[in-house]
């Protein structure tokens, strides 16, 4: 109903969030004890605990075993340079396209490379025949111990079979450099973006709190002959990414 008062724990949660945003509590500062907060907000310890749990889910505070609750260090956003990162000058020189976005160490902590029967929409895009399979490169990327992106890249198995693309480490310049060596240089890209709720599996892989959104980014790569040579379906933690597209008029 309009004007309905929010639950007490939400009032406390927003009060603490406002205090942190205003700098009353700085990153690394310890919050008052549950007993002190209960007295300050005239609430039960259970209500205080619910409010603190909400802030923990939002990665604003963290518990330290035997030491109390502390304000988290803010996570610096990742600025993804959507055009520069796909330049042939980068991957053609052996640089990783990911290095365009992030100076912090980017870790792939989950990696699977396998030959699969592609989902129908992928098979249609890659123009695979009924008996043709795809090479799937599935990865999770982590920055500063935080999962930020999961990626599922599909390529025609017949094209990449026996190449480094089917290995965990594709070598300098990554997949696109290896495709160029195979005579299938990607020369044109399209990226389609949408923001949505994550699936249960995606939320688990990215460690997302309830209510968080993801960016679904699908990149298609074509050769000069207008053949689709890769479809990469990515899911990004929307709270940590800034998508940057810079180009001339």
Protein backbone atom coordinates (compact mmCIF):
# COMPACT_ATOMS: atom_id res chain seq x y z
CA UNK A 1 0.00 0.00 0.00
CA UNK A 2 1.18 3.58 -0.71
CA UNK A 3 2.80 5.12 2.34
CA UNK A 4 3.28 1.78 4.07
CA UNK A 5 6.22 1.94 6.44
CA UNK A 6 9.12 -0.38 5.48
CA UNK A 7 10.18 -3.13 7.89
CA UNK A 8 12.41 -2.00 10.75
CA UNK A 9 15.42 -3.94 9.49
CA UNK A 10 15.25 -2.16 6.12
CA UNK A 11 15.19 1.22 7.86
CA UNK A 12 18.31 0.21 9.79
CA UNK A 13 19.96 -1.20 6.66
CA UNK A 14 19.38 2.05 4.75
CA UNK A 15 20.51 4.11 7.74
CA UNK A 16 23.79 2.23 7.94
CA UNK A 17 24.22 2.38 4.16
CA UNK A 18 23.71 6.18 4.26
CA UNK A 19 26.25 6.51 7.08
CA UNK A 20 28.81 4.53 5.08
CA UNK A 21 28.10 6.53 1.90
CA UNK A 22 28.50 9.78 3.87
CA UNK A 23 31.90 8.67 5.15
CA UNK A 24 30.89 8.22 8.77
CA UNK A 25 32.38 4.73 8.41
CA UNK A 26 35.34 4.47 6.03
CA UNK A 27 36.53 1.35 4.18
CA UNK A 28 38.30 -0.83 6.74
CA UNK A 29 36.47 0.71 9.71
CA UNK A 30 34.78 -1.57 12.19
CA UNK A 31 31.05 -1.09 12.74
CA UNK A 32 29.66 -0.91 16.28
CA UNK A 33 28.70 -4.22 17.86
CA UNK A 34 25.22 -5.68 17.40
CA UNK A 35 24.46 -4.72 21.00
CA UNK A 36 25.48 -1.11 20.40
CA UNK A 37 23.52 -0.93 17.15
CA UNK A 38 20.46 -2.44 18.85
CA UNK A 39 20.60 0.33 21.45
CA UNK A 40 21.19 3.04 18.83
CA UNK A 41 18.29 1.97 16.61
CA UNK A 42 16.06 0.70 19.45
CA UNK A 43 15.74 -2.68 17.79
CA UNK A 44 16.18 -6.33 18.71
CA UNK A 45 19.48 -8.13 17.98
CA UNK A 46 17.65 -10.29 15.42
CA UNK A 47 16.50 -7.17 13.53
CA UNK A 48 20.05 -5.76 13.59
CA UNK A 49 21.34 -9.08 12.29
CA UNK A 50 18.91 -9.00 9.34
CA UNK A 51 20.04 -5.49 8.45
CA UNK A 52 23.71 -6.46 8.62
CA UNK A 53 23.05 -9.57 6.51
CA UNK A 54 21.53 -7.33 3.83
CA UNK A 55 24.65 -5.15 3.75
CA UNK A 56 26.84 -8.25 3.58
CA UNK A 57 24.84 -9.56 0.63
CA UNK A 58 25.44 -6.24 -1.11
CA UNK A 59 29.18 -6.55 -0.39
CA UNK A 60 29.20 -3.33 1.62
CA UNK A 61 30.38 -4.92 4.87
CA UNK A 62 32.10 -8.17 5.78
CA UNK A 63 32.46 -10.30 8.89
CA UNK A 64 35.93 -11.14 10.14
CA UNK A 65 36.10 -14.23 12.30
CA UNK A 66 36.40 -13.25 15.95
CA UNK A 67 36.96 -9.58 15.10
CA UNK A 68 33.57 -8.10 14.21
CA UNK A 69 32.06 -6.47 11.13
CA UNK A 70 34.01 -4.11 8.85
CA UNK A 71 33.29 -1.84 5.90
CA UNK A 72 34.55 -3.42 2.67
CA UNK A 73 37.04 -1.79 0.37
CA UNK A 74 35.09 -0.59 -2.70
CA UNK A 75 35.63 -2.62 -5.86
CA UNK A 76 36.99 -0.43 -8.64
CA UNK A 77 34.85 -0.87 -11.77
CA UNK A 78 36.20 -2.61 -14.85
CA UNK A 79 36.09 -0.33 -17.90
CA UNK A 80 35.53 -2.53 -20.93
CA UNK A 81 36.74 -0.80 -24.10
CA UNK A 82 34.42 -2.45 -26.59
CA UNK A 83 36.08 -1.24 -29.80
CA UNK A 84 39.79 -0.96 -29.00
CA UNK A 85 39.98 -4.42 -27.44
CA UNK A 86 38.97 -6.12 -30.73
CA UNK A 87 41.49 -4.28 -32.88
CA UNK A 88 43.68 -6.60 -34.96
CA UNK A 89 46.65 -4.48 -33.87
CA UNK A 90 46.19 -5.85 -30.36
CA UNK A 91 45.65 -9.58 -30.79
CA UNK A 92 47.75 -9.58 -33.98
CA UNK A 93 50.71 -8.38 -31.91
CA UNK A 94 50.21 -11.15 -29.36
CA UNK A 95 48.48 -9.02 -26.71
CA UNK A 96 45.47 -10.30 -24.83
CA UNK A 97 42.25 -8.45 -25.61
CA UNK A 98 41.49 -8.53 -21.87
CA UNK A 99 44.55 -6.38 -21.14
CA UNK A 100 42.75 -3.48 -22.84
CA UNK A 101 40.22 -3.40 -20.00
CA UNK A 102 42.02 -4.15 -16.77
CA UNK A 103 45.40 -3.43 -15.17
CA UNK A 104 44.66 -5.72 -12.22
CA UNK A 105 45.48 -9.38 -12.65
CA UNK A 106 42.72 -11.22 -14.46
CA UNK A 107 42.54 -14.90 -13.49
CA UNK A 108 40.70 -17.70 -15.28
CA UNK A 109 39.80 -19.96 -12.37
CA UNK A 110 37.41 -22.24 -14.25
CA UNK A 111 38.20 -23.47 -17.76
CA UNK A 112 36.69 -26.17 -19.93
CA UNK A 113 37.47 -26.87 -23.60
CA UNK A 114 35.43 -29.58 -25.30
CA UNK A 115 33.80 -30.72 -28.50
CA UNK A 116 30.03 -30.37 -28.20
CA UNK A 117 26.80 -30.50 -30.12
CA UNK A 118 26.00 -26.80 -30.37
CA UNK A 119 22.65 -25.37 -29.26
CA UNK A 120 20.44 -24.83 -32.29
CA UNK A 121 20.84 -21.03 -32.39
CA UNK A 122 24.63 -21.42 -32.30
CA UNK A 123 24.59 -24.14 -34.96
CA UNK A 124 22.46 -21.89 -37.17
CA UNK A 125 24.82 -18.93 -36.70
CA UNK A 126 27.92 -21.04 -37.44
CA UNK A 127 26.08 -22.79 -40.31
CA UNK A 128 26.93 -26.21 -38.95
CA UNK A 129 25.57 -29.30 -40.66
CA UNK A 130 23.59 -31.94 -38.78
CA UNK A 131 26.68 -34.02 -38.07
CA UNK A 132 29.03 -31.10 -37.42
CA UNK A 133 30.11 -30.20 -33.89
CA UNK A 134 31.43 -27.08 -32.20
CA UNK A 135 34.43 -26.38 -30.02
CA UNK A 136 33.27 -24.85 -26.75
CA UNK A 137 35.64 -22.74 -24.64
CA UNK A 138 33.94 -22.09 -21.29
CA UNK A 139 35.69 -19.82 -18.80
CA UNK A 140 35.13 -17.85 -15.60
CA UNK A 141 37.17 -14.69 -15.06
CA UNK A 142 38.09 -13.37 -11.61
CA UNK A 143 39.55 -9.99 -10.58
CA UNK A 144 40.78 -9.37 -7.03
CA UNK A 145 39.22 -12.68 -5.91
CA UNK A 146 35.82 -11.60 -7.29
CA UNK A 147 34.15 -13.45 -10.19
CA UNK A 148 33.21 -10.84 -12.80
CA UNK A 149 32.47 -12.68 -16.04
CA UNK A 150 31.56 -16.08 -17.44
CA UNK A 151 32.12 -16.76 -21.13
CA UNK A 152 31.05 -19.52 -23.53
CA UNK A 153 32.78 -19.26 -26.90
CA UNK A 154 31.68 -21.52 -29.78
CA UNK A 155 33.72 -22.17 -32.95
CA UNK A 156 33.36 -24.75 -35.76
CA UNK A 157 35.20 -27.86 -34.60
CA UNK A 158 36.22 -28.71 -38.17
CA UNK A 159 38.07 -25.39 -38.43
CA UNK A 160 39.91 -25.46 -35.10
CA UNK A 161 40.47 -29.23 -34.70
CA UNK A 162 44.09 -29.97 -33.79
CA UNK A 163 44.96 -26.30 -33.20
CA UNK A 164 45.88 -24.50 -29.97
CA UNK A 165 42.29 -23.25 -29.81
CA UNK A 166 41.31 -26.69 -28.55
CA UNK A 167 43.90 -26.43 -25.76
CA UNK A 168 43.52 -24.57 -22.44
CA UNK A 169 46.26 -22.08 -23.40
CA UNK A 170 45.70 -20.68 -26.90
CA UNK A 171 49.02 -18.79 -26.88
CA UNK A 172 49.92 -15.12 -27.58
CA UNK A 173 47.04 -13.14 -29.06
CA UNK A 174 44.52 -15.79 -28.05
CA UNK A 175 41.83 -17.36 -30.20
CA UNK A 176 41.75 -14.64 -32.85
CA UNK A 177 45.49 -14.85 -33.51
CA UNK A 178 45.19 -18.63 -33.92
CA UNK A 179 42.21 -18.24 -36.27
CA UNK A 180 44.31 -15.90 -38.40
CA UNK A 181 47.04 -18.54 -38.59
CA UNK A 182 44.43 -21.05 -39.74
CA UNK A 183 43.35 -18.72 -42.56
CA UNK A 184 40.12 -17.60 -40.88
CA UNK A 185 41.00 -14.08 -39.70
CA UNK A 186 38.10 -12.32 -38.00
CA UNK A 187 37.59 -8.93 -39.67
CA UNK A 188 34.15 -7.85 -38.47
CA UNK A 189 32.42 -8.05 -35.08
CA UNK A 190 28.98 -7.37 -33.70
CA UNK A 191 28.11 -7.17 -30.00
CA UNK A 192 24.54 -7.34 -28.73
CA UNK A 193 23.84 -6.24 -25.15
CA UNK A 194 20.96 -6.61 -22.77
CA UNK A 195 20.55 -6.29 -19.01
CA UNK A 196 18.54 -8.99 -17.25
CA UNK A 197 18.19 -11.08 -14.13
CA UNK A 198 20.73 -13.91 -13.91
CA UNK A 199 19.74 -17.55 -13.94
CA UNK A 200 20.33 -19.51 -10.74
CA UNK A 201 23.44 -21.05 -12.31
CA UNK A 202 24.80 -17.67 -13.44
CA UNK A 203 24.19 -16.09 -10.03
CA UNK A 204 26.04 -18.99 -8.41
CA UNK A 205 29.01 -18.76 -10.81
CA UNK A 206 29.33 -15.01 -10.25
CA UNK A 207 28.54 -15.06 -6.54
CA UNK A 208 25.76 -12.49 -7.01
CA UNK A 209 23.50 -11.33 -4.20
CA UNK A 210 19.74 -11.51 -4.65
CA UNK A 211 18.38 -8.78 -6.90
CA UNK A 212 21.65 -8.15 -8.76
CA UNK A 213 21.55 -7.80 -12.55
CA UNK A 214 23.87 -9.10 -15.25
CA UNK A 215 24.82 -7.85 -18.69
CA UNK A 216 24.38 -10.46 -21.38
CA UNK A 217 26.83 -9.72 -24.17
CA UNK A 218 26.83 -11.82 -27.34
CA UNK A 219 29.70 -11.25 -29.76
CA UNK A 220 29.68 -12.61 -33.29
CA UNK A 221 32.87 -12.65 -35.39
CA UNK A 222 32.97 -12.86 -39.20
CA UNK A 223 35.76 -13.56 -41.67
CA UNK A 224 36.31 -11.50 -44.84
CA UNK A 225 34.17 -14.07 -46.66
CA UNK A 226 31.29 -13.18 -44.28
CA UNK A 227 31.47 -16.53 -42.55
CA UNK A 228 30.59 -16.55 -38.86
CA UNK A 229 33.68 -18.03 -37.23
CA UNK A 230 32.83 -17.53 -33.55
CA UNK A 231 29.87 -16.80 -31.30
CA UNK A 232 30.80 -15.81 -27.76
CA UNK A 233 28.04 -15.62 -25.14
CA UNK A 234 29.21 -13.70 -22.08
CA UNK A 235 27.50 -12.86 -18.79
CA UNK A 236 28.99 -9.91 -16.87
CA UNK A 237 28.36 -8.74 -13.32
CA UNK A 238 26.53 -5.48 -14.12
CA UNK A 239 27.59 -3.90 -10.82
CA UNK A 240 31.31 -3.91 -11.70
CA UNK A 241 31.42 -3.20 -15.45
CA UNK A 242 31.43 0.09 -17.35
CA UNK A 243 30.99 -0.50 -21.09
CA UNK A 244 33.05 2.08 -23.00
CA UNK A 245 32.58 2.57 -26.76
CA UNK A 246 34.72 5.32 -28.28
CA UNK A 247 34.73 6.04 -32.02
CA UNK A 248 35.01 8.86 -34.53
CA UNK A 249 31.99 10.48 -36.19
